[in-house]
C-alpha atoms as a PDB file:
ATOM      1  CA  UNK A   1     -35.840  55.623 -12.452  1.00  0.00           C
ATOM      2  CA  UNK A   2     -35.381  59.376 -12.419  1.00  0.00           C
ATOM      3  CA  UNK A   3     -35.244  60.911 -15.886  1.00  0.00           C
ATOM      4  CA  UNK A   4     -31.865  61.548 -17.476  1.00  0.00           C
ATOM      5  CA  UNK A   5     -30.656  64.936 -16.186  1.00  0.00           C
ATOM      6  CA  UNK A   6     -31.868  67.434 -18.757  1.00  0.00           C
ATOM      7  CA  UNK A   7     -28.503  69.141 -19.122  1.00  0.00           C
ATOM      8  CA  UNK A   8     -26.732  65.996 -20.340  1.00  0.00           C
ATOM      9  CA  UNK A   9     -28.282  65.760 -23.838  1.00  0.00           C
ATOM     10  CA  UNK A  10     -27.584  69.459 -24.337  1.00  0.00           C
ATOM     11  CA  UNK A  11     -23.977  69.022 -23.190  1.00  0.00           C
ATOM     12  CA  UNK A  12     -23.303  66.140 -25.565  1.00  0.00           C
ATOM     13  CA  UNK A  13     -25.114  67.800 -28.458  1.00  0.00           C
ATOM     14  CA  UNK A  14     -22.713  70.729 -28.048  1.00  0.00           C
ATOM     15  CA  UNK A  15     -19.697  68.397 -27.915  1.00  0.00           C
ATOM     16  CA  UNK A  16     -20.878  66.620 -31.040  1.00  0.00           C
ATOM     17  CA  UNK A  17     -21.308  69.920 -32.867  1.00  0.00           C
ATOM     18  CA  UNK A  18     -17.811  71.010 -31.836  1.00  0.00           C
ATOM     19  CA  UNK A  19     -15.870  67.804 -32.490  1.00  0.00           C
ATOM     20  CA  UNK A  20     -18.097  65.640 -34.700  1.00  0.00           C
ATOM     21  CA  UNK A  21     -18.477  61.862 -34.304  1.00  0.00           C
ATOM     22  CA  UNK A  22     -15.110  61.296 -32.628  1.00  0.00           C
ATOM     23  CA  UNK A  23     -13.866  60.365 -29.175  1.00  0.00           C
ATOM     24  CA  UNK A  24     -13.735  64.082 -28.313  1.00  0.00           C
ATOM     25  CA  UNK A  25     -17.331  64.384 -29.460  1.00  0.00           C
ATOM     26  CA  UNK A  26     -18.406  62.115 -26.609  1.00  0.00           C
ATOM     27  CA  UNK A  27     -15.984  63.769 -24.156  1.00  0.00           C
ATOM     28  CA  UNK A  28     -13.269  61.093 -24.302  1.00  0.00           C
ATOM     29  CA  UNK A  29      -9.651  62.133 -24.521  1.00  0.00           C
ATOM     30  CA  UNK A  30      -8.683  59.965 -27.476  1.00  0.00           C
ATOM     31  CA  UNK A  31      -9.640  56.948 -29.579  1.00  0.00           C
ATOM     32  CA  UNK A  32      -6.786  55.023 -27.917  1.00  0.00           C
ATOM     33  CA  UNK A  33      -8.219  55.593 -24.444  1.00  0.00           C
ATOM     34  CA  UNK A  34     -11.652  54.668 -25.737  1.00  0.00           C
ATOM     35  CA  UNK A  35     -10.294  51.392 -27.109  1.00  0.00           C
ATOM     36  CA  UNK A  36      -8.620  50.505 -23.818  1.00  0.00           C
ATOM     37  CA  UNK A  37     -11.921  51.047 -22.018  1.00  0.00           C
ATOM     38  CA  UNK A  38     -13.845  48.911 -24.508  1.00  0.00           C
ATOM     39  CA  UNK A  39     -11.369  46.065 -24.031  1.00  0.00           C
ATOM     40  CA  UNK A  40     -12.019  46.039 -20.291  1.00  0.00           C
ATOM     41  CA  UNK A  41     -15.795  45.915 -20.769  1.00  0.00           C
ATOM     42  CA  UNK A  42     -15.455  42.796 -22.880  1.00  0.00           C
ATOM     43  CA  UNK A  43     -13.685  40.950 -20.114  1.00  0.00           C
ATOM     44  CA  UNK A  44     -17.283  40.175 -19.115  1.00  0.00           C
ATOM     45  CA  UNK A  45     -17.100  37.453 -21.779  1.00  0.00           C
ATOM     46  CA  UNK A  46     -14.202  35.690 -20.009  1.00  0.00           C
ATOM     47  CA  UNK A  47     -15.867  33.119 -17.790  1.00  0.00           C
ATOM     48  CA  UNK A  48     -14.289  33.251 -14.292  1.00  0.00           C
ATOM     49  CA  UNK A  49     -14.146  29.443 -14.158  1.00  0.00           C
ATOM     50  CA  UNK A  50     -12.764  29.088 -17.657  1.00  0.00           C
ATOM     51  CA  UNK A  51     -15.889  27.453 -19.055  1.00  0.00           C
ATOM     52  CA  UNK A  52     -16.421  27.705 -22.815  1.00  0.00           C
ATOM     53  CA  UNK A  53     -18.851  30.333 -24.031  1.00  0.00           C
ATOM     54  CA  UNK A  54     -22.348  29.344 -25.023  1.00  0.00           C
ATOM     55  CA  UNK A  55     -24.278  30.673 -28.010  1.00  0.00           C
ATOM     56  CA  UNK A  56     -23.309  33.957 -29.663  1.00  0.00           C
ATOM     57  CA  UNK A  57     -24.522  36.628 -27.210  1.00  0.00           C
ATOM     58  CA  UNK A  58     -26.573  39.755 -27.729  1.00  0.00           C
ATOM     59  CA  UNK A  59     -25.437  43.168 -26.469  1.00  0.00           C
ATOM     60  CA  UNK A  60     -27.076  46.396 -25.374  1.00  0.00           C
ATOM     61  CA  UNK A  61     -24.726  49.383 -25.564  1.00  0.00           C
ATOM     62  CA  UNK A  62     -26.487  51.857 -23.288  1.00  0.00           C
ATOM     63  CA  UNK A  63     -25.204  55.366 -23.945  1.00  0.00           C
ATOM     64  CA  UNK A  64     -23.630  54.360 -27.257  1.00  0.00           C
ATOM     65  CA  UNK A  65     -22.845  57.870 -28.494  1.00  0.00           C
ATOM     66  CA  UNK A  66     -21.957  57.786 -32.186  1.00  0.00           C
ATOM     67  CA  UNK A  67     -21.606  53.978 -32.124  1.00  0.00           C
ATOM     68  CA  UNK A  68     -17.847  53.628 -31.615  1.00  0.00           C
ATOM     69  CA  UNK A  69     -18.243  50.399 -29.637  1.00  0.00           C
ATOM     70  CA  UNK A  70     -20.074  48.751 -32.554  1.00  0.00           C
ATOM     71  CA  UNK A  71     -17.175  49.670 -34.831  1.00  0.00           C
ATOM     72  CA  UNK A  72     -14.663  48.390 -32.280  1.00  0.00           C
ATOM     73  CA  UNK A  73     -16.518  45.072 -32.033  1.00  0.00           C
ATOM     74  CA  UNK A  74     -16.470  44.737 -35.824  1.00  0.00           C
ATOM     75  CA  UNK A  75     -12.764  45.541 -36.016  1.00  0.00           C
ATOM     76  CA  UNK A  76     -11.976  43.027 -33.257  1.00  0.00           C
ATOM     77  CA  UNK A  77     -14.182  40.269 -34.699  1.00  0.00           C
ATOM     78  CA  UNK A  78     -16.480  40.072 -31.689  1.00  0.00           C
ATOM     79  CA  UNK A  79     -19.593  38.268 -32.842  1.00  0.00           C
ATOM     80  CA  UNK A  80     -23.043  39.371 -31.742  1.00  0.00           C
ATOM     81  CA  UNK A  81     -26.422  37.809 -32.356  1.00  0.00           C
ATOM     82  CA  UNK A  82     -27.850  41.298 -31.824  1.00  0.00           C
ATOM     83  CA  UNK A  83     -26.233  44.614 -31.008  1.00  0.00           C
ATOM     84  CA  UNK A  84     -28.466  47.512 -29.993  1.00  0.00           C
ATOM     85  CA  UNK A  85     -27.060  50.947 -29.341  1.00  0.00           C
ATOM     86  CA  UNK A  86     -29.099  53.462 -27.357  1.00  0.00           C
ATOM     87  CA  UNK A  87     -28.312  57.118 -26.761  1.00  0.00           C
ATOM     88  CA  UNK A  88     -30.515  59.988 -25.594  1.00  0.00           C
ATOM     89  CA  UNK A  89     -28.892  62.462 -28.014  1.00  0.00           C
ATOM     90  CA  UNK A  90     -30.630  62.153 -31.410  1.00  0.00           C
ATOM     91  CA  UNK A  91     -27.672  63.607 -33.293  1.00  0.00           C
ATOM     92  CA  UNK A  92     -25.447  60.860 -31.929  1.00  0.00           C
ATOM     93  CA  UNK A  93     -27.809  58.198 -33.217  1.00  0.00           C
ATOM     94  CA  UNK A  94     -27.940  59.837 -36.657  1.00  0.00           C
ATOM     95  CA  UNK A  95     -24.144  59.531 -36.890  1.00  0.00           C
ATOM     96  CA  UNK A  96     -24.176  55.984 -35.463  1.00  0.00           C
ATOM     97  CA  UNK A  97     -26.612  54.831 -38.135  1.00  0.00           C
ATOM     98  CA  UNK A  98     -24.587  56.532 -40.856  1.00  0.00           C
ATOM     99  CA  UNK A  99     -21.242  55.135 -39.692  1.00  0.00           C
ATOM    100  CA  UNK A 100     -22.163  51.680 -38.396  1.00  0.00           C
ATOM    101  CA  UNK A 101     -25.737  50.951 -39.436  1.00  0.00           C
ATOM    102  CA  UNK A 102     -24.525  48.516 -42.096  1.00  0.00           C
ATOM    103  CA  UNK A 103     -22.965  46.163 -39.514  1.00  0.00           C
ATOM    104  CA  UNK A 104     -24.806  42.858 -39.372  1.00  0.00           C
ATOM    105  CA  UNK A 105     -27.331  42.593 -36.522  1.00  0.00           C
ATOM    106  CA  UNK A 106     -26.707  46.200 -35.401  1.00  0.00           C
ATOM    107  CA  UNK A 107     -29.462  48.732 -34.691  1.00  0.00           C
ATOM    108  CA  UNK A 108     -29.464  52.143 -33.040  1.00  0.00           C
ATOM    109  CA  UNK A 109     -32.191  54.129 -31.313  1.00  0.00           C
ATOM    110  CA  UNK A 110     -32.694  57.299 -29.302  1.00  0.00           C
ATOM    111  CA  UNK A 111     -36.027  56.045 -27.938  1.00  0.00           C
ATOM    112  CA  UNK A 112     -35.879  54.449 -24.513  1.00  0.00           C
ATOM    113  CA  UNK A 113     -39.175  52.701 -25.294  1.00  0.00           C
ATOM    114  CA  UNK A 114     -37.383  50.711 -28.015  1.00  0.00           C
ATOM    115  CA  UNK A 115     -34.569  49.474 -25.771  1.00  0.00           C
ATOM    116  CA  UNK A 116     -34.616  45.686 -25.486  1.00  0.00           C
ATOM    117  CA  UNK A 117     -33.008  43.358 -22.925  1.00  0.00           C
ATOM    118  CA  UNK A 118     -29.803  41.621 -23.968  1.00  0.00           C
ATOM    119  CA  UNK A 119     -27.452  38.945 -22.705  1.00  0.00           C
ATOM    120  CA  UNK A 120     -24.863  41.578 -21.799  1.00  0.00           C
ATOM    121  CA  UNK A 121     -25.417  45.266 -21.091  1.00  0.00           C
ATOM    122  CA  UNK A 122     -22.422  47.571 -21.555  1.00  0.00           C
ATOM    123  CA  UNK A 123     -22.126  51.109 -20.233  1.00  0.00           C
ATOM    124  CA  UNK A 124     -19.066  53.217 -21.006  1.00  0.00           C
ATOM    125  CA  UNK A 125     -18.739  56.704 -19.554  1.00  0.00           C
ATOM    126  CA  UNK A 126     -22.305  56.792 -18.258  1.00  0.00           C
ATOM    127  CA  UNK A 127     -21.576  57.854 -14.693  1.00  0.00           C
ATOM    128  CA  UNK A 128     -18.931  60.526 -15.034  1.00  0.00           C
ATOM    129  CA  UNK A 129     -20.652  63.788 -15.893  1.00  0.00           C
ATOM    130  CA  UNK A 130     -22.537  65.167 -12.911  1.00  0.00           C
ATOM    131  CA  UNK A 131     -22.156  68.781 -14.115  1.00  0.00           C
ATOM    132  CA  UNK A 132     -23.319  71.139 -11.346  1.00  0.00           C
ATOM    133  CA  UNK A 133     -24.765  68.464  -9.076  1.00  0.00           C
ATOM    134  CA  UNK A 134     -23.199  67.495  -5.777  1.00  0.00           C
ATOM    135  CA  UNK A 135     -22.161  63.897  -5.173  1.00  0.00           C
ATOM    136  CA  UNK A 136     -25.136  63.553  -2.816  1.00  0.00           C
ATOM    137  CA  UNK A 137     -27.477  64.690  -5.588  1.00  0.00           C
ATOM    138  CA  UNK A 138     -25.815  62.594  -8.294  1.00  0.00           C
ATOM    139  CA  UNK A 139     -25.453  59.213  -6.616  1.00  0.00           C
ATOM    140  CA  UNK A 140     -29.175  58.357  -6.403  1.00  0.00           C
ATOM    141  CA  UNK A 141     -29.289  58.716 -10.192  1.00  0.00           C
ATOM    142  CA  UNK A 142     -26.182  56.510 -10.523  1.00  0.00           C
ATOM    143  CA  UNK A 143     -27.635  53.744  -8.363  1.00  0.00           C
ATOM    144  CA  UNK A 144     -31.009  53.826 -10.097  1.00  0.00           C
ATOM    145  CA  UNK A 145     -29.310  53.714 -13.486  1.00  0.00           C
ATOM    146  CA  UNK A 146     -27.264  50.661 -12.476  1.00  0.00           C
ATOM    147  CA  UNK A 147     -30.398  48.887 -11.299  1.00  0.00           C
ATOM    148  CA  UNK A 148     -32.080  49.683 -14.611  1.00  0.00           C
ATOM    149  CA  UNK A 149     -29.139  48.356 -16.620  1.00  0.00           C
ATOM    150  CA  UNK A 150     -29.082  45.205 -14.510  1.00  0.00           C
ATOM    151  CA  UNK A 151     -32.785  44.654 -15.147  1.00  0.00           C
ATOM    152  CA  UNK A 152     -32.062  44.735 -18.891  1.00  0.00           C
ATOM    153  CA  UNK A 153     -29.307  42.108 -18.723  1.00  0.00           C
ATOM    154  CA  UNK A 154     -29.819  38.357 -18.911  1.00  0.00           C
ATOM    155  CA  UNK A 155     -26.233  37.274 -18.262  1.00  0.00           C
ATOM    156  CA  UNK A 156     -24.144  40.233 -17.145  1.00  0.00           C
ATOM    157  CA  UNK A 157     -23.433  43.941 -16.887  1.00  0.00           C
ATOM    158  CA  UNK A 158     -20.133  45.752 -17.506  1.00  0.00           C
ATOM    159  CA  UNK A 159     -19.618  49.454 -16.849  1.00  0.00           C
ATOM    160  CA  UNK A 160     -16.815  51.847 -16.042  1.00  0.00           C
ATOM    161  CA  UNK A 161     -16.297  54.907 -13.866  1.00  0.00           C
ATOM    162  CA  UNK A 162     -13.697  57.473 -12.991  1.00  0.00           C
ATOM    163  CA  UNK A 163     -11.920  56.713  -9.728  1.00  0.00           C
ATOM    164  CA  UNK A 164     -11.322  58.436  -6.414  1.00  0.00           C
ATOM    165  CA  UNK A 165      -7.678  57.369  -6.818  1.00  0.00           C
ATOM    166  CA  UNK A 166      -7.204  59.977  -9.542  1.00  0.00           C
ATOM    167  CA  UNK A 167      -4.601  62.687  -8.961  1.00  0.00           C
ATOM    168  CA  UNK A 168      -6.329  65.402  -6.952  1.00  0.00           C
ATOM    169  CA  UNK A 169      -4.928  68.234  -9.090  1.00  0.00           C
ATOM    170  CA  UNK A 170      -6.452  66.660 -12.213  1.00  0.00           C
ATOM    171  CA  UNK A 171      -9.956  66.118 -10.885  1.00  0.00           C
ATOM    172  CA  UNK A 172     -12.669  68.243 -12.468  1.00  0.00           C
ATOM    173  CA  UNK A 173     -15.497  69.553 -10.290  1.00  0.00           C
ATOM    174  CA  UNK A 174     -18.123  68.596 -12.890  1.00  0.00           C
ATOM    175  CA  UNK A 175     -17.124  64.907 -12.837  1.00  0.00           C
ATOM    176  CA  UNK A 176     -17.915  62.032 -10.475  1.00  0.00           C
ATOM    177  CA  UNK A 177     -14.959  60.190  -8.900  1.00  0.00           C
ATOM    178  CA  UNK A 178     -16.363  57.490  -6.603  1.00  0.00           C
ATOM    179  CA  UNK A 179     -14.407  55.118  -4.432  1.00  0.00           C
ATOM    180  CA  UNK A 180     -14.429  51.844  -6.423  1.00  0.00           C
ATOM    181  CA  UNK A 181     -15.549  49.984  -3.316  1.00  0.00           C
ATOM    182  CA  UNK A 182     -18.662  52.141  -3.073  1.00  0.00           C
ATOM    183  CA  UNK A 183     -19.931  50.931  -6.432  1.00  0.00           C
ATOM    184  CA  UNK A 184     -18.651  47.396  -5.797  1.00  0.00           C
ATOM    185  CA  UNK A 185     -20.587  47.285  -2.514  1.00  0.00           C
ATOM    186  CA  UNK A 186     -23.755  48.542  -4.195  1.00  0.00           C
ATOM    187  CA  UNK A 187     -23.523  45.923  -6.945  1.00  0.00           C
ATOM    188  CA  UNK A 188     -22.699  43.157  -4.488  1.00  0.00           C
ATOM    189  CA  UNK A 189     -25.589  44.014  -2.171  1.00  0.00           C
ATOM    190  CA  UNK A 190     -28.252  44.901  -4.753  1.00  0.00           C
ATOM    191  CA  UNK A 191     -27.398  43.184  -8.044  1.00  0.00           C
ATOM    192  CA  UNK A 192     -25.432  39.930  -7.747  1.00  0.00           C
ATOM    193  CA  UNK A 193     -23.004  37.967  -5.604  1.00  0.00           C
ATOM    194  CA  UNK A 194     -20.586  37.774  -8.549  1.00  0.00           C
ATOM    195  CA  UNK A 195     -18.881  41.133  -8.982  1.00  0.00           C
ATOM    196  CA  UNK A 196     -15.360  41.987 -10.188  1.00  0.00           C
ATOM    197  CA  UNK A 197     -13.479  45.286 -10.068  1.00  0.00           C
ATOM    198  CA  UNK A 198     -10.809  45.927 -12.703  1.00  0.00           C
ATOM    199  CA  UNK A 199      -8.422  48.707 -11.772  1.00  0.00           C
ATOM    200  CA  UNK A 200      -5.285  47.447 -13.458  1.00  0.00           C
ATOM    201  CA  UNK A 201      -5.161  48.981 -16.919  1.00  0.00           C
ATOM    202  CA  UNK A 202      -3.306  52.240 -16.473  1.00  0.00           C
ATOM    203  CA  UNK A 203      -6.158  54.751 -16.575  1.00  0.00           C
ATOM    204  CA  UNK A 204      -7.687  56.880 -13.833  1.00  0.00           C
ATOM    205  CA  UNK A 205     -10.814  54.772 -13.868  1.00  0.00           C
ATOM    206  CA  UNK A 206     -12.068  51.289 -13.097  1.00  0.00           C
ATOM    207  CA  UNK A 207     -14.439  48.784 -14.666  1.00  0.00           C
ATOM    208  CA  UNK A 208     -16.976  46.664 -12.822  1.00  0.00           C
ATOM    209  CA  UNK A 209     -18.233  43.329 -14.153  1.00  0.00           C
ATOM    210  CA  UNK A 210     -21.442  41.908 -12.709  1.00  0.00           C
ATOM    211  CA  UNK A 211     -22.496  38.376 -13.615  1.00  0.00           C
ATOM    212  CA  UNK A 212     -25.758  36.597 -12.993  1.00  0.00           C
ATOM    213  CA  UNK A 213     -25.345  33.981 -10.283  1.00  0.00           C
ATOM    214  CA  UNK A 214     -26.547  31.242 -12.600  1.00  0.00           C
ATOM    215  CA  UNK A 215     -24.006  32.381 -15.220  1.00  0.00           C
ATOM    216  CA  UNK A 216     -21.167  31.467 -12.856  1.00  0.00           C
ATOM    217  CA  UNK A 217     -22.663  28.340 -11.259  1.00  0.00           C
ATOM    218  CA  UNK A 218     -23.960  26.715 -14.459  1.00  0.00           C
END
């Protein structure tokens, strides 16, 4: 996969310095919006056929920022056999370890070499910030990143994105607003036959859930 665009760590380091380990520090509007997004990601745990869950799953939070998702999981009593948070901004990981490093089974790293596969891979806000790149320049990175995340998942992948259905006067030129069907089609053709799009939770974004075929048929 192409390397993470060099400007992104610098951008988020500046946000962290300005706002600290908060939703604004990772370029989210509020903790409430962040919580709504997290809730959608965890719909990956709801089996589409209503089958009971198996053993306690492991999670990889790719692009974890200051670890807010780990705290949200703790506060909502979501059990994990292993939670690993990865972020390419070292300062974010320092705060994540300080704030949430005491959570059972939770670890954080800024080293991609230490990232381990997990039952479920979660990606929140990973695709949005294209900065000065055109859509044509940004999308190859998006698709390669999704393939990488899929390769790290044993049971499923959940990620979110801004949407092309956003109000035109509110769209920022430095952000990526794909048609939901574009990412759905990519996941359906290249990742799995079992793909869901969630666009029903009141935000100008959508969440995609991708399940391993054997996860649904078993």
